């Protein structure tokens, strides 16, 4: 196999090491799904993406993304990170400040903004729908939420391509102190065809750089806490908009994620006038080189 350009980037961070890592393989035309899955398994990162020449006139590039276990139809941090690499490598140029990725989820626009030399990228995420609204007394939720002090909004299962249980916690201190019951979260994820539990709380003090603190407990397959999830945060923004409970101003706010696993990601969410949710932030290039896969 010919050597292909390879990047590793840190997504949703102003400094390398604070966000969620991503591997990006460019010039991926000619790779089959088995090879892409093998590379993603080898990198052992949350996701690895593969960039192809566009096949539709409205697309800036083609994209496929894989976790170490399987192909993923859509995820936020791989989309944002890949757009950063596409720009760094000179593969595509934004039209009116917008790139368009073409993947399993269809054509999705990414807005590219530069302020004082700092670039941020946000993707318009697939529309999320309320799958079901529950309460803490629901037998399926009791074990996973045992000992949690809950907030005002009820637990809800939201579907944004992948389902999450969204659970409001009473305050930020309680959220950051949560010790997840992984067996219970995995059982909940399996029984409800969801990723797990996405817990959130309002920032504990005014003047913070963020309005919400969030934690993502993944119980579907692997059990881990996600350092920064653009898709899960987008699903939450859709729920808060549905509930007339959006923080911030003008449909915009910042979420803090990952501190409990040694990261410090900041994600910017925007619900626009049409009700579309944009999820984004900054991206840092950490490694640039080539991958020579047999």
Protein backbone atom coordinates (compact mmCIF):
# COMPACT_ATOMS: atom_id res chain seq x y z
CA UNK A 1 0.00 0.00 0.00
CA UNK A 2 1.31 3.45 -0.86
CA UNK A 3 2.04 5.75 2.06
CA UNK A 4 -0.84 8.10 2.78
CA UNK A 5 -0.82 11.38 4.67
CA UNK A 6 -1.70 10.89 8.34
CA UNK A 7 -2.62 13.34 11.08
CA UNK A 8 -3.43 12.99 14.75
CA UNK A 9 -5.32 15.94 16.19
CA UNK A 10 -6.89 17.02 19.46
CA UNK A 11 -10.49 18.16 19.07
CA UNK A 12 -12.41 20.71 21.16
CA UNK A 13 -9.36 22.17 22.84
CA UNK A 14 -7.31 25.35 22.81
CA UNK A 15 -4.22 23.37 23.86
CA UNK A 16 -3.10 19.91 22.77
CA UNK A 17 -3.98 17.27 25.35
CA UNK A 18 -7.18 18.85 26.63
CA UNK A 19 -9.59 17.57 23.99
CA UNK A 20 -10.52 14.29 22.30
CA UNK A 21 -7.90 12.63 20.07
CA UNK A 22 -8.59 11.67 16.47
CA UNK A 23 -6.57 10.01 13.71
CA UNK A 24 -7.17 11.14 10.12
CA UNK A 25 -5.97 9.28 7.02
CA UNK A 26 -5.97 11.37 3.85
CA UNK A 27 -5.90 10.18 0.22
CA UNK A 28 -7.97 7.16 1.28
CA UNK A 29 -9.33 6.30 -2.16
CA UNK A 30 -8.65 2.62 -2.81
CA UNK A 31 -8.93 1.50 0.81
CA UNK A 32 -11.63 -1.07 1.53
CA UNK A 33 -13.69 -1.31 4.71
CA UNK A 34 -11.65 -4.20 6.11
CA UNK A 35 -8.42 -2.23 5.81
CA UNK A 36 -9.95 0.92 7.30
CA UNK A 37 -11.29 -1.09 10.24
CA UNK A 38 -7.87 -2.65 10.79
CA UNK A 39 -6.20 0.78 10.84
CA UNK A 40 -8.80 2.10 13.28
CA UNK A 41 -8.27 -0.90 15.53
CA UNK A 42 -4.51 -0.31 15.41
CA UNK A 43 -4.66 3.40 16.31
CA UNK A 44 -6.78 2.53 19.37
CA UNK A 45 -8.24 6.03 19.36
CA UNK A 46 -11.96 6.74 19.86
CA UNK A 47 -12.32 7.21 16.10
CA UNK A 48 -10.18 7.20 12.98
CA UNK A 49 -11.45 8.93 9.83
CA UNK A 50 -10.66 8.43 6.16
CA UNK A 51 -10.91 11.24 3.61
CA UNK A 52 -11.82 10.58 -0.02
CA UNK A 53 -12.17 12.67 -3.13
CA UNK A 54 -15.73 14.03 -3.34
CA UNK A 55 -18.19 12.17 -5.57
CA UNK A 56 -21.01 14.71 -5.37
CA UNK A 57 -20.77 18.28 -6.65
CA UNK A 58 -21.97 19.83 -3.39
CA UNK A 59 -19.40 17.98 -1.25
CA UNK A 60 -15.96 19.28 -0.27
CA UNK A 61 -14.74 15.73 0.47
CA UNK A 62 -15.94 12.24 1.24
CA UNK A 63 -15.63 10.85 4.76
CA UNK A 64 -15.87 7.51 6.55
CA UNK A 65 -15.26 7.09 10.26
CA UNK A 66 -14.47 4.01 12.32
CA UNK A 67 -14.16 3.24 16.01
CA UNK A 68 -11.82 0.36 16.92
CA UNK A 69 -14.88 -1.93 16.77
CA UNK A 70 -17.02 -0.77 13.83
CA UNK A 71 -17.89 1.90 11.29
CA UNK A 72 -19.70 4.89 12.78
CA UNK A 73 -22.42 6.70 10.79
CA UNK A 74 -21.86 10.07 12.48
CA UNK A 75 -19.94 11.57 15.37
CA UNK A 76 -19.16 15.17 16.16
CA UNK A 77 -15.53 15.23 17.16
CA UNK A 78 -14.35 13.18 14.13
CA UNK A 79 -16.27 15.50 11.80
CA UNK A 80 -14.83 18.68 13.29
CA UNK A 81 -11.31 17.25 13.54
CA UNK A 82 -11.35 16.00 9.96
CA UNK A 83 -12.44 19.41 8.66
CA UNK A 84 -9.44 20.94 10.45
CA UNK A 85 -7.09 18.47 8.75
CA UNK A 86 -8.69 19.05 5.34
CA UNK A 87 -7.98 22.76 5.76
CA UNK A 88 -4.44 22.22 7.05
CA UNK A 89 -3.63 19.91 4.14
CA UNK A 90 -5.12 22.23 1.54
CA UNK A 91 -7.58 19.61 0.29
CA UNK A 92 -10.59 21.92 0.18
CA UNK A 93 -11.41 25.59 0.60
CA UNK A 94 -14.56 26.79 2.36
CA UNK A 95 -17.25 28.35 0.20
CA UNK A 96 -18.71 31.34 2.01
CA UNK A 97 -17.08 30.00 5.17
CA UNK A 98 -18.58 26.51 4.83
CA UNK A 99 -17.17 23.05 4.09
CA UNK A 100 -19.48 20.12 3.28
CA UNK A 101 -18.65 16.56 4.31
CA UNK A 102 -20.26 13.61 2.53
CA UNK A 103 -20.65 10.55 4.73
CA UNK A 104 -23.15 7.91 5.81
CA UNK A 105 -25.25 10.63 7.47
CA UNK A 106 -25.40 12.51 4.16
CA UNK A 107 -24.16 15.97 3.25
CA UNK A 108 -23.45 17.96 6.41
CA UNK A 109 -22.11 21.54 6.44
CA UNK A 110 -19.29 22.70 8.68
CA UNK A 111 -18.96 26.39 9.46
CA UNK A 112 -15.38 27.72 9.62
CA UNK A 113 -14.80 30.90 11.64
CA UNK A 114 -11.55 32.73 12.31
CA UNK A 115 -11.36 35.31 15.10
CA UNK A 116 -8.05 37.05 15.89
CA UNK A 117 -6.21 34.29 14.08
CA UNK A 118 -7.92 31.49 16.02
CA UNK A 119 -9.94 29.06 13.93
CA UNK A 120 -13.03 27.27 15.19
CA UNK A 121 -15.13 24.76 13.29
CA UNK A 122 -18.73 23.72 13.94
CA UNK A 123 -20.82 21.05 12.26
CA UNK A 124 -24.56 21.17 11.73
CA UNK A 125 -25.55 17.93 13.39
CA UNK A 126 -28.34 15.57 12.31
CA UNK A 127 -31.69 16.54 13.82
CA UNK A 128 -32.37 14.83 17.15
CA UNK A 129 -35.76 13.53 18.25
CA UNK A 130 -37.22 12.74 21.66
CA UNK A 131 -37.47 8.95 21.84
CA UNK A 132 -39.01 8.81 25.31
CA UNK A 133 -39.30 10.86 28.49
CA UNK A 134 -38.97 8.96 31.75
CA UNK A 135 -38.45 9.66 35.44
CA UNK A 136 -35.94 8.55 38.01
CA UNK A 137 -38.39 5.95 39.34
CA UNK A 138 -38.32 4.10 36.02
CA UNK A 139 -37.06 0.58 36.88
CA UNK A 140 -34.66 0.68 33.93
CA UNK A 141 -32.97 3.82 35.28
CA UNK A 142 -32.95 3.18 39.02
CA UNK A 143 -29.71 1.22 39.22
CA UNK A 144 -27.78 3.51 36.87
CA UNK A 145 -28.89 6.66 38.71
CA UNK A 146 -28.76 5.33 42.27
CA UNK A 147 -27.37 7.97 44.62
CA UNK A 148 -27.57 10.77 42.04
CA UNK A 149 -29.13 14.09 43.02
CA UNK A 150 -31.18 15.03 39.99
CA UNK A 151 -32.08 18.41 38.54
CA UNK A 152 -35.38 19.84 37.36
CA UNK A 153 -35.69 18.31 33.88
CA UNK A 154 -36.74 14.65 33.60
CA UNK A 155 -34.45 11.97 32.19
CA UNK A 156 -34.99 11.61 28.45
CA UNK A 157 -33.79 9.24 25.74
CA UNK A 158 -32.87 11.30 22.68
CA UNK A 159 -32.10 9.94 19.23
CA UNK A 160 -29.62 11.88 17.13
CA UNK A 161 -28.47 8.94 15.03
CA UNK A 162 -27.24 7.29 18.21
CA UNK A 163 -29.41 7.37 21.34
CA UNK A 164 -28.36 8.82 24.68
CA UNK A 165 -30.09 9.04 28.05
CA UNK A 166 -29.80 12.69 29.11
CA UNK A 167 -29.91 13.21 32.86
CA UNK A 168 -29.77 16.57 34.60
CA UNK A 169 -27.86 16.60 37.90
CA UNK A 170 -28.72 19.14 40.60
CA UNK A 171 -25.46 21.11 40.45
CA UNK A 172 -21.96 21.06 39.04
CA UNK A 173 -20.32 19.82 42.23
CA UNK A 174 -22.64 16.81 42.32
CA UNK A 175 -22.00 16.11 38.65
CA UNK A 176 -18.23 16.18 39.01
CA UNK A 177 -18.42 13.89 42.05
CA UNK A 178 -20.41 11.16 40.27
CA UNK A 179 -18.95 7.66 40.44
CA UNK A 180 -20.70 5.73 37.66
CA UNK A 181 -21.98 2.20 38.20
CA UNK A 182 -20.63 0.75 34.97
CA UNK A 183 -22.54 -2.52 35.18
CA UNK A 184 -25.82 -0.65 35.62
CA UNK A 185 -25.03 1.82 32.82
CA UNK A 186 -24.09 -1.04 30.48
CA UNK A 187 -27.33 -2.85 31.32
CA UNK A 188 -29.32 0.33 30.65
CA UNK A 189 -27.53 0.90 27.35
CA UNK A 190 -28.18 -2.67 26.22
CA UNK A 191 -31.85 -2.76 27.27
CA UNK A 192 -32.70 0.58 25.63
CA UNK A 193 -30.45 0.48 22.53
CA UNK A 194 -28.59 3.56 23.73
CA UNK A 195 -24.99 4.68 24.10
CA UNK A 196 -25.32 5.19 27.84
CA UNK A 197 -25.89 8.20 30.10
CA UNK A 198 -25.00 11.80 29.29
CA UNK A 199 -25.19 13.73 32.57
CA UNK A 200 -25.23 17.52 32.74
CA UNK A 201 -25.47 20.38 35.23
CA UNK A 202 -25.49 24.16 35.15
CA UNK A 203 -22.16 25.87 35.88
CA UNK A 204 -21.71 26.42 39.59
CA UNK A 205 -20.66 30.06 39.39
CA UNK A 206 -21.25 33.04 37.16
CA UNK A 207 -18.28 34.25 35.16
CA UNK A 208 -17.20 30.73 34.18
CA UNK A 209 -15.96 30.11 30.64
CA UNK A 210 -18.80 27.61 30.24
CA UNK A 211 -22.52 27.46 31.02
CA UNK A 212 -22.86 23.68 31.37
CA UNK A 213 -20.66 20.91 32.70
CA UNK A 214 -21.25 17.49 31.15
CA UNK A 215 -20.08 13.90 31.50
CA UNK A 216 -20.61 11.06 29.01
CA UNK A 217 -20.75 7.53 30.42
CA UNK A 218 -20.58 5.09 27.50
CA UNK A 219 -21.93 1.63 28.27
CA UNK A 220 -22.51 0.34 24.74
CA UNK A 221 -19.79 -2.20 24.02
CA UNK A 222 -16.76 -0.59 25.64
CA UNK A 223 -17.30 1.06 29.02
CA UNK A 224 -15.58 4.42 29.35
CA UNK A 225 -16.09 8.11 30.00
CA UNK A 226 -15.81 10.12 26.80
CA UNK A 227 -13.44 13.08 26.97
CA UNK A 228 -15.45 15.28 24.57
CA UNK A 229 -18.47 14.37 22.47
CA UNK A 230 -19.75 16.78 19.85
CA UNK A 231 -22.71 14.56 18.94
CA UNK A 232 -23.88 13.97 22.53
CA UNK A 233 -23.60 17.67 23.32
CA UNK A 234 -25.64 18.44 20.20
CA UNK A 235 -28.37 16.03 21.28
CA UNK A 236 -28.42 17.75 24.67
CA UNK A 237 -28.70 21.18 23.05
CA UNK A 238 -31.69 19.93 21.05
CA UNK A 239 -33.36 18.68 24.25
CA UNK A 240 -32.72 21.93 26.11
CA UNK A 241 -34.14 23.87 23.17
CA UNK A 242 -37.19 21.58 23.13
CA UNK A 243 -37.61 22.22 26.87
CA UNK A 244 -37.12 26.02 26.61
CA UNK A 245 -34.13 25.59 28.92
CA UNK A 246 -31.16 26.67 26.79
CA UNK A 247 -28.43 28.44 28.79
CA UNK A 248 -26.38 31.31 27.41
CA UNK A 249 -27.66 33.96 25.02
CA UNK A 250 -29.02 33.82 21.49
CA UNK A 251 -29.04 30.04 21.47
CA UNK A 252 -25.27 29.91 22.11
CA UNK A 253 -23.40 28.42 25.04
CA UNK A 254 -20.18 26.62 25.95
CA UNK A 255 -19.96 23.19 27.62
CA UNK A 256 -17.10 21.84 29.74
CA UNK A 257 -16.27 18.14 29.43
CA UNK A 258 -13.48 15.73 30.28
CA UNK A 259 -11.94 17.04 33.50
CA UNK A 260 -12.73 13.82 35.33
CA UNK A 261 -10.63 11.84 32.84
CA UNK A 262 -7.69 14.24 32.72
CA UNK A 263 -8.87 16.47 29.87
CA UNK A 264 -10.39 19.95 29.78
CA UNK A 265 -12.42 20.28 26.60
CA UNK A 266 -14.65 23.22 25.72
CA UNK A 267 -17.40 22.78 23.15
CA UNK A 268 -19.43 25.59 21.61
CA UNK A 269 -23.10 24.86 20.91
CA UNK A 270 -25.45 26.98 18.85
CA UNK A 271 -29.14 26.39 18.16
CA UNK A 272 -29.97 28.62 15.20
CA UNK A 273 -33.25 30.27 14.25
CA UNK A 274 -34.29 27.21 12.25
CA UNK A 275 -33.72 24.92 15.23
CA UNK A 276 -30.59 23.37 13.75
CA UNK A 277 -27.85 22.51 16.25
CA UNK A 278 -24.21 23.38 15.50
CA UNK A 279 -21.52 21.71 17.61
CA UNK A 280 -17.90 22.81 17.45
CA UNK A 281 -14.73 24.25 18.87
CA UNK A 282 -11.00 24.54 18.26
CA UNK A 283 -8.70 21.76 16.99
CA UNK A 284 -4.96 21.30 17.52
CA UNK A 285 -2.63 19.35 15.22
CA UNK A 286 -0.40 17.04 17.29
CA UNK A 287 1.15 14.63 14.75
CA UNK A 288 1.64 15.02 10.99
CA UNK A 289 3.26 12.39 8.82
CA UNK A 290 2.46 9.33 6.71
CA UNK A 291 0.97 5.90 7.31
CA UNK A 292 2.32 2.97 5.31
CA UNK A 293 -0.13 0.12 5.84
CA UNK A 294 0.51 -3.31 4.28
